[in-house]
Protein backbone atom coordinates (compact mmCIF):
# COMPACT_ATOMS: atom_id res chain seq x y z
CA MET A 1 -151.60 53.55 93.99
CA LEU A 2 -150.71 56.22 91.41
CA LYS A 3 -147.18 54.79 91.07
CA LYS A 4 -148.67 51.38 90.24
CA TYR A 5 -150.66 52.89 87.36
CA ASN A 6 -147.64 54.86 86.13
CA TRP A 7 -145.66 51.64 85.79
CA LEU A 8 -148.57 50.00 84.01
CA ILE A 9 -148.79 52.90 81.55
CA ILE A 10 -145.04 52.72 80.91
CA ILE A 11 -145.22 48.97 80.27
CA VAL A 12 -148.15 49.42 77.85
CA ILE A 13 -146.30 52.19 75.98
CA ILE A 14 -143.17 50.03 75.66
CA ALA A 15 -145.24 47.09 74.42
CA LEU A 16 -146.96 49.30 71.84
CA ILE A 17 -143.60 50.61 70.61
CA TYR A 18 -142.27 47.08 70.14
CA LEU A 19 -145.47 45.96 68.44
CA GLY A 20 -145.38 48.97 66.12
CA LYS A 21 -141.75 48.32 65.24
CA HIS A 22 -142.51 44.65 64.58
CA LEU A 23 -145.42 45.50 62.30
CA TYR A 24 -143.42 48.21 60.49
CA PHE A 25 -140.64 45.78 59.55
CA GLN A 26 -142.96 43.02 58.34
CA PRO A 27 -142.43 42.14 54.67
CA LYS A 28 -145.00 43.58 52.32
CA TYR A 29 -145.65 40.22 50.64
CA THR A 30 -146.20 36.78 52.12
CA ASN A 31 -145.62 33.21 51.06
CA GLY A 32 -147.88 32.00 48.29
CA LYS A 33 -148.32 35.45 46.76
CA PRO A 34 -147.04 36.18 43.25
CA ALA A 35 -143.75 38.08 43.30
CA PRO A 36 -144.23 41.55 41.85
CA THR A 37 -142.38 41.84 38.56
CA PHE A 38 -140.20 44.77 37.68
CA ASN A 39 -137.85 45.98 34.98
CA ALA A 40 -134.44 47.44 35.78
CA GLN A 41 -130.99 48.03 34.39
CA LEU A 42 -128.20 45.61 35.29
CA ILE A 43 -124.70 46.69 36.27
CA THR A 44 -123.66 45.92 32.67
CA GLY A 45 -126.22 48.39 31.33
CA GLN A 46 -128.46 45.64 29.93
CA ASN A 47 -132.19 45.74 30.54
CA PHE A 48 -133.61 43.17 32.93
CA SER A 49 -137.07 41.85 33.71
CA LEU A 50 -137.75 39.64 36.72
CA GLU A 51 -140.39 37.91 34.65
CA SER A 52 -137.68 36.64 32.28
CA LEU A 53 -136.51 34.26 35.02
CA LYS A 54 -139.76 32.27 35.25
CA GLY A 55 -139.00 28.56 35.18
CA GLN A 56 -136.14 29.00 37.68
CA TYR A 57 -135.89 29.46 41.40
CA VAL A 58 -134.95 33.07 42.12
CA LEU A 59 -133.45 34.47 45.27
CA LEU A 60 -134.23 38.18 45.23
CA ASP A 61 -131.71 39.64 47.67
CA PHE A 62 -131.94 43.25 48.86
CA TRP A 63 -128.63 44.41 50.33
CA GLY A 64 -126.16 47.27 50.54
CA SER A 65 -122.39 47.53 50.25
CA TRP A 66 -122.52 49.56 53.49
CA CYS A 67 -124.43 46.82 55.39
CA GLY A 68 -122.26 44.55 57.57
CA PRO A 69 -124.81 41.73 57.93
CA CYS A 70 -125.38 41.79 54.16
CA ARG A 71 -121.68 41.47 53.45
CA ARG A 72 -121.36 38.60 55.94
CA THR A 73 -124.20 36.78 54.12
CA ASN A 74 -122.58 37.13 50.69
CA PRO A 75 -120.19 34.13 51.02
CA HIS A 76 -123.22 31.94 51.79
CA LEU A 77 -124.99 33.28 48.69
CA VAL A 78 -121.92 32.43 46.61
CA THR A 79 -122.08 28.86 47.97
CA LEU A 80 -125.80 28.58 47.12
CA HIS A 81 -125.19 29.96 43.64
CA ASN A 82 -122.31 27.57 42.94
CA LYS A 83 -124.29 24.58 44.18
CA PHE A 84 -127.66 25.24 42.51
CA ASN A 85 -127.31 27.61 39.56
CA LYS A 86 -127.12 24.74 37.04
CA ALA A 87 -129.18 22.25 39.01
CA ARG A 88 -132.24 20.53 37.60
CA PHE A 89 -135.27 20.56 39.82
CA ASP A 90 -138.51 18.61 39.53
CA ASN A 91 -140.36 21.86 38.84
CA GLY A 92 -137.74 24.10 37.25
CA LYS A 93 -134.19 24.65 36.20
CA GLY A 94 -131.50 26.28 38.34
CA LEU A 95 -131.30 28.91 41.07
CA THR A 96 -130.67 32.47 40.00
CA ILE A 97 -129.69 35.16 42.46
CA VAL A 98 -130.79 38.71 41.75
CA ASN A 99 -129.05 41.26 43.94
CA VAL A 100 -130.81 44.57 44.42
CA ALA A 101 -128.41 46.96 46.11
CA ILE A 102 -129.84 49.92 47.96
CA GLU A 103 -127.18 52.54 47.37
CA LYS A 104 -126.64 56.28 47.02
CA ASP A 105 -123.79 55.95 44.53
CA SER A 106 -122.34 53.09 42.53
CA SER A 107 -118.62 53.09 43.35
CA ARG A 108 -118.78 51.20 46.70
CA TRP A 109 -121.44 48.87 45.27
CA ARG A 110 -119.27 47.90 42.28
CA ARG A 111 -116.25 47.38 44.54
CA ALA A 112 -118.27 45.17 46.95
CA ILE A 113 -119.46 42.92 44.10
CA VAL A 114 -115.83 42.28 43.11
CA GLN A 115 -114.55 41.93 46.69
CA ASP A 116 -117.30 39.49 47.67
CA GLU A 117 -116.93 37.53 44.40
CA LEU A 118 -120.63 37.78 43.52
CA ASN A 119 -120.11 36.12 40.16
CA TRP A 120 -123.66 36.01 38.82
CA PRO A 121 -124.93 38.49 36.22
CA TYR A 122 -127.97 39.95 37.97
CA HIS A 123 -126.84 43.01 39.91
CA ILE A 124 -129.17 45.99 40.13
CA MET A 125 -128.64 49.27 41.95
CA ASP A 126 -131.83 50.69 43.43
CA LYS A 127 -130.79 54.30 43.99
CA THR A 128 -131.99 55.78 47.26
CA THR A 129 -131.69 59.22 48.73
CA SER A 130 -132.17 57.99 52.30
CA PHE A 131 -130.74 55.01 54.16
CA LYS A 132 -133.39 55.64 56.82
CA PHE A 133 -136.33 55.25 54.43
CA PHE A 134 -135.34 53.19 51.41
CA ASN A 135 -137.08 55.06 48.62
CA GLY A 136 -135.83 53.41 45.45
CA GLU A 137 -138.35 52.16 42.92
CA ILE A 138 -137.82 48.43 43.55
CA SER A 139 -137.49 48.90 47.32
CA ASN A 140 -140.84 50.67 47.34
CA LEU A 141 -142.42 47.94 45.22
CA TYR A 142 -141.34 45.27 47.71
CA GLY A 143 -141.85 47.43 50.80
CA ILE A 144 -138.24 47.06 51.93
CA LYS A 145 -137.62 48.62 55.34
CA GLU A 146 -134.38 46.87 56.29
CA VAL A 147 -131.51 44.97 54.74
CA PRO A 148 -130.71 42.25 54.27
CA THR A 149 -134.15 41.21 53.08
CA SER A 150 -134.69 38.35 50.67
CA TYR A 151 -137.51 36.64 48.85
CA LEU A 152 -137.24 33.11 47.48
CA ILE A 153 -139.41 32.80 44.39
CA ASP A 154 -140.42 29.48 42.84
CA PRO A 155 -140.31 28.69 39.11
CA GLN A 156 -143.96 29.74 38.72
CA GLY A 157 -143.18 33.20 40.11
CA ASP A 158 -144.67 32.78 43.59
CA ILE A 159 -142.97 33.74 46.83
CA ILE A 160 -142.11 30.64 48.85
CA GLY A 161 -139.73 32.08 51.44
CA ILE A 162 -138.99 35.40 53.09
CA ASN A 163 -135.73 36.11 54.89
CA MET A 164 -134.84 32.43 55.00
CA ALA A 165 -131.43 31.44 56.31
CA THR A 166 -129.21 30.15 53.52
CA ASP A 167 -129.04 26.67 55.10
CA HIS A 168 -132.87 26.52 54.99
CA ILE A 169 -132.83 27.54 51.32
CA ASP A 170 -130.25 24.83 50.69
CA ARG A 171 -132.44 22.16 52.34
CA LEU A 172 -135.57 23.32 50.50
CA LEU A 173 -133.83 23.24 47.12
CA GLU A 174 -132.29 19.83 47.89
CA GLN A 175 -135.83 18.47 48.32
CA HIS A 176 -136.75 19.59 44.80
CA LEU A 177 -133.68 18.29 42.96
CA SER A 178 -134.58 15.95 40.09
CA LYS A 179 -133.81 12.35 40.86
């Protein structure tokens, strides 16, 4: 009888661990909420404000040069950028990708941008001291706990997608193309 309860306790503990992990990795913001704005410095040294991109779709992409899944996603981001960056939508103009790299130093990050041909101007390094707990300013603002993490923001500045596959983003944007 005692063994039966031991197994039950073990199963409950495992379930609680998985539930806790699931809740921990949930995005901080949900669809329909305004995307928090921030100011940062671009790779070029220019100042940047997320708010300056209102009127466009924005894919806010948190990644790292050290992250294999992030790097494998980059070719798909290039395809999205090339297809939609100059597109006209019924509620806005163009898709802009803003990469926020969670990095400890800039040399690998700069090299990855060139290697992956990320040819858009909005590259930001969110300096972290820990790859276990992303503690950069923008990462904290968005509650980033893992990469890749992305937020699709509509032209009004509201979040309309979180961690969407690039083919889903493509289909959604296709629906809003001006006729």
